[in-house]
C-alpha atoms as a PDB file:
ATOM      1  CA  UNK A   1      -8.630  -2.751  18.405  1.00  0.00           C
ATOM      2  CA  UNK A   2      -7.027  -5.706  17.343  1.00  0.00           C
ATOM      3  CA  UNK A   3      -4.746  -4.438  14.034  1.00  0.00           C
ATOM      4  CA  UNK A   4      -2.753  -6.471  11.472  1.00  0.00           C
ATOM      5  CA  UNK A   5       0.230  -4.739   9.763  1.00  0.00           C
ATOM      6  CA  UNK A   6       1.977  -5.669   6.888  1.00  0.00           C
ATOM      7  CA  UNK A   7       4.185  -4.175   4.223  1.00  0.00           C
ATOM      8  CA  UNK A   8       6.388  -4.638   1.205  1.00  0.00           C
ATOM      9  CA  UNK A   9       9.736  -3.146   2.652  1.00  0.00           C
ATOM     10  CA  UNK A  10      10.114  -6.171   4.768  1.00  0.00           C
ATOM     11  CA  UNK A  11      10.139  -6.920   8.920  1.00  0.00           C
ATOM     12  CA  UNK A  12      13.035  -4.912   9.632  1.00  0.00           C
ATOM     13  CA  UNK A  13      11.856  -1.491   7.750  1.00  0.00           C
ATOM     14  CA  UNK A  14      11.628   1.324  10.079  1.00  0.00           C
ATOM     15  CA  UNK A  15       8.263   2.299   9.003  1.00  0.00           C
ATOM     16  CA  UNK A  16       6.517  -0.877  10.214  1.00  0.00           C
ATOM     17  CA  UNK A  17       8.406  -1.012  13.277  1.00  0.00           C
ATOM     18  CA  UNK A  18       7.584   2.648  14.095  1.00  0.00           C
ATOM     19  CA  UNK A  19       4.205   1.978  13.564  1.00  0.00           C
ATOM     20  CA  UNK A  20       4.009  -1.453  15.586  1.00  0.00           C
ATOM     21  CA  UNK A  21       5.862   0.645  18.748  1.00  0.00           C
ATOM     22  CA  UNK A  22       3.441   3.199  18.667  1.00  0.00           C
ATOM     23  CA  UNK A  23       0.077   1.506  17.928  1.00  0.00           C
ATOM     24  CA  UNK A  24       1.004  -1.381  20.392  1.00  0.00           C
ATOM     25  CA  UNK A  25       0.409   0.852  23.157  1.00  0.00           C
ATOM     26  CA  UNK A  26      -3.065   1.389  22.742  1.00  0.00           C
ATOM     27  CA  UNK A  27      -4.197  -1.490  20.522  1.00  0.00           C
ATOM     28  CA  UNK A  28      -3.685  -5.361  20.502  1.00  0.00           C
ATOM     29  CA  UNK A  29      -1.198  -5.255  17.150  1.00  0.00           C
ATOM     30  CA  UNK A  30       0.267  -8.018  15.065  1.00  0.00           C
ATOM     31  CA  UNK A  31       3.094  -7.714  12.290  1.00  0.00           C
ATOM     32  CA  UNK A  32       3.156 -10.278   9.651  1.00  0.00           C
ATOM     33  CA  UNK A  33       5.529  -8.905   6.954  1.00  0.00           C
ATOM     34  CA  UNK A  34       7.990 -10.405   4.202  1.00  0.00           C
ATOM     35  CA  UNK A  35      11.581 -11.496   5.590  1.00  0.00           C
ATOM     36  CA  UNK A  36      12.882  -9.355   2.618  1.00  0.00           C
ATOM     37  CA  UNK A  37      12.173  -6.281   0.545  1.00  0.00           C
ATOM     38  CA  UNK A  38       9.160  -7.244  -2.049  1.00  0.00           C
ATOM     39  CA  UNK A  39       8.801  -3.803  -3.780  1.00  0.00           C
ATOM     40  CA  UNK A  40       6.577  -3.488  -6.823  1.00  0.00           C
ATOM     41  CA  UNK A  41       5.329  -7.351  -6.456  1.00  0.00           C
ATOM     42  CA  UNK A  42       1.997  -6.297  -7.109  1.00  0.00           C
ATOM     43  CA  UNK A  43      -0.911  -8.693  -6.040  1.00  0.00           C
ATOM     44  CA  UNK A  44       1.260 -11.645  -6.339  1.00  0.00           C
ATOM     45  CA  UNK A  45       0.455 -14.887  -4.260  1.00  0.00           C
ATOM     46  CA  UNK A  46       2.514 -18.171  -3.547  1.00  0.00           C
ATOM     47  CA  UNK A  47       1.085 -21.068  -4.730  1.00  0.00           C
ATOM     48  CA  UNK A  48       4.333 -23.128  -6.197  1.00  0.00           C
ATOM     49  CA  UNK A  49       6.432 -23.270  -3.137  1.00  0.00           C
ATOM     50  CA  UNK A  50       5.797 -23.986   0.709  1.00  0.00           C
ATOM     51  CA  UNK A  51       5.298 -20.770   2.911  1.00  0.00           C
ATOM     52  CA  UNK A  52       6.956 -20.403   6.602  1.00  0.00           C
ATOM     53  CA  UNK A  53       6.401 -18.491   9.317  1.00  0.00           C
ATOM     54  CA  UNK A  54       9.463 -17.046  11.871  1.00  0.00           C
ATOM     55  CA  UNK A  55       8.573 -15.315  14.853  1.00  0.00           C
ATOM     56  CA  UNK A  56      10.521 -11.913  14.823  1.00  0.00           C
ATOM     57  CA  UNK A  57       9.447 -10.474  18.173  1.00  0.00           C
ATOM     58  CA  UNK A  58       6.591  -9.959  20.226  1.00  0.00           C
ATOM     59  CA  UNK A  59       3.456 -10.466  17.800  1.00  0.00           C
ATOM     60  CA  UNK A  60       6.108  -9.875  15.091  1.00  0.00           C
ATOM     61  CA  UNK A  61       6.204 -12.576  12.432  1.00  0.00           C
ATOM     62  CA  UNK A  62       8.231 -12.764   9.219  1.00  0.00           C
ATOM     63  CA  UNK A  63       7.283 -15.064   5.907  1.00  0.00           C
ATOM     64  CA  UNK A  64       9.183 -15.764   3.023  1.00  0.00           C
ATOM     65  CA  UNK A  65       6.028 -14.775   1.150  1.00  0.00           C
ATOM     66  CA  UNK A  66       4.489 -12.013  -0.506  1.00  0.00           C
ATOM     67  CA  UNK A  67       2.866  -8.866   0.871  1.00  0.00           C
ATOM     68  CA  UNK A  68      -0.637 -11.001  -0.233  1.00  0.00           C
ATOM     69  CA  UNK A  69       0.600 -13.934   1.500  1.00  0.00           C
ATOM     70  CA  UNK A  70       1.059 -12.063   4.843  1.00  0.00           C
ATOM     71  CA  UNK A  71      -2.195 -10.508   4.946  1.00  0.00           C
ATOM     72  CA  UNK A  72      -3.648 -14.483   4.138  1.00  0.00           C
ATOM     73  CA  UNK A  73      -1.295 -16.055   6.827  1.00  0.00           C
ATOM     74  CA  UNK A  74      -2.010 -13.225   9.364  1.00  0.00           C
ATOM     75  CA  UNK A  75      -5.613 -13.615   9.357  1.00  0.00           C
ATOM     76  CA  UNK A  76      -5.471 -17.502   8.976  1.00  0.00           C
ATOM     77  CA  UNK A  77      -2.496 -18.817  11.038  1.00  0.00           C
ATOM     78  CA  UNK A  78      -1.190 -15.966  13.191  1.00  0.00           C
ATOM     79  CA  UNK A  79      -4.567 -14.304  14.573  1.00  0.00           C
ATOM     80  CA  UNK A  80      -6.806 -17.009  13.580  1.00  0.00           C
ATOM     81  CA  UNK A  81      -9.776 -14.289  12.845  1.00  0.00           C
ATOM     82  CA  UNK A  82     -10.054 -11.133  11.331  1.00  0.00           C
ATOM     83  CA  UNK A  83      -8.499  -8.534  12.593  1.00  0.00           C
ATOM     84  CA  UNK A  84     -10.550  -4.870  13.163  1.00  0.00           C
ATOM     85  CA  UNK A  85      -8.364  -3.190  11.056  1.00  0.00           C
ATOM     86  CA  UNK A  86      -5.560  -3.830   8.518  1.00  0.00           C
ATOM     87  CA  UNK A  87      -2.795  -1.316   7.850  1.00  0.00           C
ATOM     88  CA  UNK A  88      -0.147  -1.951   5.079  1.00  0.00           C
ATOM     89  CA  UNK A  89       2.864   0.272   5.687  1.00  0.00           C
ATOM     90  CA  UNK A  90       4.246   2.605   6.601  1.00  0.00           C
ATOM     91  CA  UNK A  91       5.701   2.442   3.002  1.00  0.00           C
ATOM     92  CA  UNK A  92       8.940   4.199   2.200  1.00  0.00           C
ATOM     93  CA  UNK A  93       8.161   6.316  -1.003  1.00  0.00           C
ATOM     94  CA  UNK A  94       4.674   7.227  -2.403  1.00  0.00           C
ATOM     95  CA  UNK A  95       1.885   5.136  -4.157  1.00  0.00           C
ATOM     96  CA  UNK A  96      -0.115   7.414  -6.279  1.00  0.00           C
ATOM     97  CA  UNK A  97      -1.653   7.341  -9.713  1.00  0.00           C
ATOM     98  CA  UNK A  98      -0.867   4.306 -11.809  1.00  0.00           C
ATOM     99  CA  UNK A  99       1.877   3.190  -9.523  1.00  0.00           C
ATOM    100  CA  UNK A 100      -0.862   1.425  -7.315  1.00  0.00           C
ATOM    101  CA  UNK A 101      -0.967  -1.521  -9.572  1.00  0.00           C
ATOM    102  CA  UNK A 102       2.515  -2.095  -9.296  1.00  0.00           C
ATOM    103  CA  UNK A 103       2.401  -1.673  -5.378  1.00  0.00           C
ATOM    104  CA  UNK A 104       2.823  -4.568  -3.109  1.00  0.00           C
ATOM    105  CA  UNK A 105       1.716  -2.211  -0.056  1.00  0.00           C
ATOM    106  CA  UNK A 106      -1.396  -1.553  -1.742  1.00  0.00           C
ATOM    107  CA  UNK A 107      -1.925  -5.045  -2.973  1.00  0.00           C
ATOM    108  CA  UNK A 108      -1.879  -6.209   0.705  1.00  0.00           C
ATOM    109  CA  UNK A 109      -4.502  -3.482   1.573  1.00  0.00           C
ATOM    110  CA  UNK A 110      -6.594  -5.065  -1.237  1.00  0.00           C
ATOM    111  CA  UNK A 111      -6.286  -8.555  -0.048  1.00  0.00           C
ATOM    112  CA  UNK A 112      -7.553  -7.165   3.070  1.00  0.00           C
ATOM    113  CA  UNK A 113     -10.562  -5.853   1.589  1.00  0.00           C
ATOM    114  CA  UNK A 114     -11.072  -9.485  -0.290  1.00  0.00           C
ATOM    115  CA  UNK A 115     -11.278 -10.978   3.150  1.00  0.00           C
ATOM    116  CA  UNK A 116     -13.686  -8.587   4.297  1.00  0.00           C
ATOM    117  CA  UNK A 117     -11.459  -6.317   6.521  1.00  0.00           C
ATOM    118  CA  UNK A 118     -11.202  -2.503   6.709  1.00  0.00           C
ATOM    119  CA  UNK A 119      -7.907  -1.795   5.232  1.00  0.00           C
ATOM    120  CA  UNK A 120      -5.525   0.879   4.719  1.00  0.00           C
ATOM    121  CA  UNK A 121      -2.518   1.271   2.483  1.00  0.00           C
ATOM    122  CA  UNK A 122      -0.271   4.019   3.943  1.00  0.00           C
ATOM    123  CA  UNK A 123       2.661   5.549   2.168  1.00  0.00           C
ATOM    124  CA  UNK A 124       5.058   8.424   2.767  1.00  0.00           C
ATOM    125  CA  UNK A 125       5.833  11.059   0.020  1.00  0.00           C
ATOM    126  CA  UNK A 126       9.507  10.757  -0.004  1.00  0.00           C
ATOM    127  CA  UNK A 127      12.719   9.099  -0.770  1.00  0.00           C
ATOM    128  CA  UNK A 128      14.979   9.712   2.023  1.00  0.00           C
ATOM    129  CA  UNK A 129      14.736  11.492   5.685  1.00  0.00           C
ATOM    130  CA  UNK A 130      11.271   9.926   6.184  1.00  0.00           C
ATOM    131  CA  UNK A 131       9.203  11.695   8.598  1.00  0.00           C
ATOM    132  CA  UNK A 132       7.910   8.691  10.279  1.00  0.00           C
ATOM    133  CA  UNK A 133       6.568  10.005  13.432  1.00  0.00           C
ATOM    134  CA  UNK A 134       4.579  12.495  11.418  1.00  0.00           C
ATOM    135  CA  UNK A 135       3.010   9.658   9.535  1.00  0.00           C
ATOM    136  CA  UNK A 136       2.721   7.392  12.425  1.00  0.00           C
ATOM    137  CA  UNK A 137       0.638  10.502  14.182  1.00  0.00           C
ATOM    138  CA  UNK A 138      -1.409  10.720  10.807  1.00  0.00           C
ATOM    139  CA  UNK A 139      -2.285   7.071  11.211  1.00  0.00           C
ATOM    140  CA  UNK A 140      -3.581   7.438  14.506  1.00  0.00           C
ATOM    141  CA  UNK A 141      -5.848  10.340  13.501  1.00  0.00           C
ATOM    142  CA  UNK A 142      -6.976   7.981  10.559  1.00  0.00           C
ATOM    143  CA  UNK A 143      -7.520   5.392  13.334  1.00  0.00           C
ATOM    144  CA  UNK A 144      -9.726   7.332  15.293  1.00  0.00           C
ATOM    145  CA  UNK A 145     -11.685   8.425  11.828  1.00  0.00           C
ATOM    146  CA  UNK A 146     -12.371   5.178  10.651  1.00  0.00           C
ATOM    147  CA  UNK A 147     -13.300   3.464  13.874  1.00  0.00           C
ATOM    148  CA  UNK A 148     -16.848   5.457  13.265  1.00  0.00           C
ATOM    149  CA  UNK A 149     -17.062   5.144   9.614  1.00  0.00           C
ATOM    150  CA  UNK A 150     -18.365   1.857   7.902  1.00  0.00           C
ATOM    151  CA  UNK A 151     -16.319   0.648   5.140  1.00  0.00           C
ATOM    152  CA  UNK A 152     -18.596   0.123   1.979  1.00  0.00           C
ATOM    153  CA  UNK A 153     -18.230  -3.646   0.671  1.00  0.00           C
ATOM    154  CA  UNK A 154     -15.131  -3.753  -1.071  1.00  0.00           C
ATOM    155  CA  UNK A 155     -13.519  -0.342  -0.750  1.00  0.00           C
ATOM    156  CA  UNK A 156     -10.035   0.362   1.007  1.00  0.00           C
ATOM    157  CA  UNK A 157      -8.331   3.253   1.398  1.00  0.00           C
ATOM    158  CA  UNK A 158      -4.957   4.359   0.026  1.00  0.00           C
ATOM    159  CA  UNK A 159      -3.071   7.096   2.007  1.00  0.00           C
ATOM    160  CA  UNK A 160      -0.064   9.314   1.005  1.00  0.00           C
ATOM    161  CA  UNK A 161       1.304  11.436   3.722  1.00  0.00           C
ATOM    162  CA  UNK A 162       3.393  14.422   2.971  1.00  0.00           C
ATOM    163  CA  UNK A 163       6.972  14.038   4.146  1.00  0.00           C
ATOM    164  CA  UNK A 164       6.680  16.917   6.403  1.00  0.00           C
ATOM    165  CA  UNK A 165       6.762  17.779  10.241  1.00  0.00           C
ATOM    166  CA  UNK A 166       3.061  17.221  11.582  1.00  0.00           C
ATOM    167  CA  UNK A 167       2.542  20.689  12.073  1.00  0.00           C
ATOM    168  CA  UNK A 168       2.701  21.218   8.477  1.00  0.00           C
ATOM    169  CA  UNK A 169       0.171  18.919   7.443  1.00  0.00           C
ATOM    170  CA  UNK A 170      -2.877  20.948   5.928  1.00  0.00           C
ATOM    171  CA  UNK A 171      -5.607  18.199   6.764  1.00  0.00           C
ATOM    172  CA  UNK A 172      -7.092  15.319   4.704  1.00  0.00           C
ATOM    173  CA  UNK A 173      -8.302  15.510   1.075  1.00  0.00           C
ATOM    174  CA  UNK A 174     -10.363  12.712  -0.407  1.00  0.00           C
ATOM    175  CA  UNK A 175      -8.996  12.142  -4.003  1.00  0.00           C
ATOM    176  CA  UNK A 176      -9.164  10.233  -7.193  1.00  0.00           C
ATOM    177  CA  UNK A 177      -6.028   8.886  -8.604  1.00  0.00           C
ATOM    178  CA  UNK A 178      -3.631  10.928 -10.516  1.00  0.00           C
ATOM    179  CA  UNK A 179      -1.567  10.453 -13.752  1.00  0.00           C
ATOM    180  CA  UNK A 180       2.249   9.856 -13.201  1.00  0.00           C
ATOM    181  CA  UNK A 181       4.306  10.494 -16.134  1.00  0.00           C
ATOM    182  CA  UNK A 182       6.896   7.923 -17.046  1.00  0.00           C
ATOM    183  CA  UNK A 183      10.446   8.312 -18.063  1.00  0.00           C
ATOM    184  CA  UNK A 184      11.261   5.078 -17.784  1.00  0.00           C
ATOM    185  CA  UNK A 185      14.071   3.547 -19.617  1.00  0.00           C
ATOM    186  CA  UNK A 186      15.779   0.245 -20.214  1.00  0.00           C
ATOM    187  CA  UNK A 187      19.577   0.228 -19.650  1.00  0.00           C
ATOM    188  CA  UNK A 188      21.904  -2.418 -21.238  1.00  0.00           C
ATOM    189  CA  UNK A 189      24.960  -3.172 -19.388  1.00  0.00           C
ATOM    190  CA  UNK A 190      27.566  -5.845 -19.639  1.00  0.00           C
ATOM    191  CA  UNK A 191      28.622  -8.190 -16.946  1.00  0.00           C
ATOM    192  CA  UNK A 192      32.371  -9.402 -16.528  1.00  0.00           C
ATOM    193  CA  UNK A 193      31.876 -12.511 -18.401  1.00  0.00           C
ATOM    194  CA  UNK A 194      30.511 -10.498 -21.506  1.00  0.00           C
ATOM    195  CA  UNK A 195      26.929 -11.198 -20.953  1.00  0.00           C
ATOM    196  CA  UNK A 196      24.269  -8.527 -21.362  1.00  0.00           C
ATOM    197  CA  UNK A 197      21.626  -7.597 -18.270  1.00  0.00           C
ATOM    198  CA  UNK A 198      19.251  -4.767 -17.942  1.00  0.00           C
ATOM    199  CA  UNK A 199      18.018  -2.102 -15.386  1.00  0.00           C
ATOM    200  CA  UNK A 200      14.455  -0.614 -15.670  1.00  0.00           C
ATOM    201  CA  UNK A 201      14.601   2.613 -14.461  1.00  0.00           C
ATOM    202  CA  UNK A 202      13.494   6.341 -14.604  1.00  0.00           C
ATOM    203  CA  UNK A 203      15.077   9.795 -14.739  1.00  0.00           C
ATOM    204  CA  UNK A 204      12.615  11.720 -12.473  1.00  0.00           C
ATOM    205  CA  UNK A 205       9.290  11.822 -11.250  1.00  0.00           C
ATOM    206  CA  UNK A 206       6.443  13.743 -12.825  1.00  0.00           C
ATOM    207  CA  UNK A 207       2.868  14.100 -12.809  1.00  0.00           C
ATOM    208  CA  UNK A 208      -0.252  15.684 -14.300  1.00  0.00           C
ATOM    209  CA  UNK A 209      -0.941  18.556 -11.731  1.00  0.00           C
ATOM    210  CA  UNK A 210      -4.851  17.909 -11.902  1.00  0.00           C
ATOM    211  CA  UNK A 211      -7.195  19.547  -8.880  1.00  0.00           C
ATOM    212  CA  UNK A 212      -8.568  16.497  -7.077  1.00  0.00           C
ATOM    213  CA  UNK A 213      -5.918  14.256  -7.299  1.00  0.00           C
ATOM    214  CA  UNK A 214      -3.811  12.555  -5.098  1.00  0.00           C
ATOM    215  CA  UNK A 215      -0.675  13.995  -6.639  1.00  0.00           C
ATOM    216  CA  UNK A 216      -2.165  17.533  -6.326  1.00  0.00           C
ATOM    217  CA  UNK A 217      -3.242  17.123  -2.613  1.00  0.00           C
ATOM    218  CA  UNK A 218      -0.088  15.791  -1.096  1.00  0.00           C
ATOM    219  CA  UNK A 219       2.138  18.617  -3.172  1.00  0.00           C
ATOM    220  CA  UNK A 220      -0.204  21.156  -1.491  1.00  0.00           C
ATOM    221  CA  UNK A 221       0.514  19.655   2.113  1.00  0.00           C
ATOM    222  CA  UNK A 222      -2.704  17.333   2.594  1.00  0.00           C
ATOM    223  CA  UNK A 223      -2.881  13.567   3.408  1.00  0.00           C
ATOM    224  CA  UNK A 224      -4.541  12.237   0.167  1.00  0.00           C
ATOM    225  CA  UNK A 225      -7.493   9.610   0.849  1.00  0.00           C
ATOM    226  CA  UNK A 226      -8.128   7.738  -2.174  1.00  0.00           C
ATOM    227  CA  UNK A 227     -10.891   5.235  -1.942  1.00  0.00           C
ATOM    228  CA  UNK A 228     -10.305   1.940  -3.967  1.00  0.00           C
ATOM    229  CA  UNK A 229     -12.471  -0.906  -4.995  1.00  0.00           C
ATOM    230  CA  UNK A 230     -12.397  -4.467  -5.881  1.00  0.00           C
ATOM    231  CA  UNK A 231     -14.780  -3.724  -8.700  1.00  0.00           C
ATOM    232  CA  UNK A 232     -12.498  -2.426 -11.724  1.00  0.00           C
ATOM    233  CA  UNK A 233     -15.067  -2.434 -14.359  1.00  0.00           C
ATOM    234  CA  UNK A 234     -14.361   0.810 -16.640  1.00  0.00           C
ATOM    235  CA  UNK A 235     -17.545   2.589 -16.114  1.00  0.00           C
ATOM    236  CA  UNK A 236     -16.484   5.132 -18.651  1.00  0.00           C
ATOM    237  CA  UNK A 237     -16.178   2.715 -21.695  1.00  0.00           C
ATOM    238  CA  UNK A 238     -18.993   0.503 -20.327  1.00  0.00           C
ATOM    239  CA  UNK A 239     -21.818   1.689 -22.877  1.00  0.00           C
ATOM    240  CA  UNK A 240     -19.250   2.281 -25.490  1.00  0.00           C
ATOM    241  CA  UNK A 241     -18.268  -1.218 -25.888  1.00  0.00           C
ATOM    242  CA  UNK A 242     -22.220  -2.285 -25.506  1.00  0.00           C
ATOM    243  CA  UNK A 243     -22.160  -0.630 -29.079  1.00  0.00           C
ATOM    244  CA  UNK A 244     -19.909  -3.206 -30.515  1.00  0.00           C
ATOM    245  CA  UNK A 245     -20.515  -6.419 -28.598  1.00  0.00           C
ATOM    246  CA  UNK A 246     -24.395  -7.153 -28.837  1.00  0.00           C
ATOM    247  CA  UNK A 247     -26.030 -10.615 -27.805  1.00  0.00           C
ATOM    248  CA  UNK A 248     -27.131 -12.219 -31.105  1.00  0.00           C
ATOM    249  CA  UNK A 249     -30.852 -12.724 -31.003  1.00  0.00           C
END
């Protein structure tokens, strides 16, 4: 199988390197990743400056672009064909609930879906002491499963793996997006020249403990598998707004 790897943590992140080393034993694996960390850049694509590609190892390339750029360059320039599978990750930190809209990791998988490639965004639910070998084994299990599952057009999968030893993984759970409870603040500080600057940050991570969501599953030791789609139409409110916006006869 030809597999394209990318991420938003950068070309030198341990997650993507570990994944490349393990999957490269049984598959034809390419890395095209940002030359530096591009976390929370979402689905940005570079149109206002040249993009460059640098060889950084065997079938390994770095770019000065975004995760979305990496997917496009990987398919159009490096491999020069659609890979059998795109994996964005292993991301160092979770991507659940509303966070997917900020995530460069998830955006890369979305770009893969744009291009008609079966795509996975894979994240580890931790902030330190990452269980990369657990995550790699889970990815191998996923590859074995998705190899025999047709992807519905426009669908890609958002995967979040508990940061625990492999033996403690309870299995897979198909989930919907949960709800993150944000406690973000804007911190104002002053630089040595008297100018003000700001940090956007939060105090702690909280979520609504709703059964069937990604947060709920991962907290209980399950790998969450959340199918995402390119059609972001709000089905819940579609009929509601039709009452107010009608075609004139």
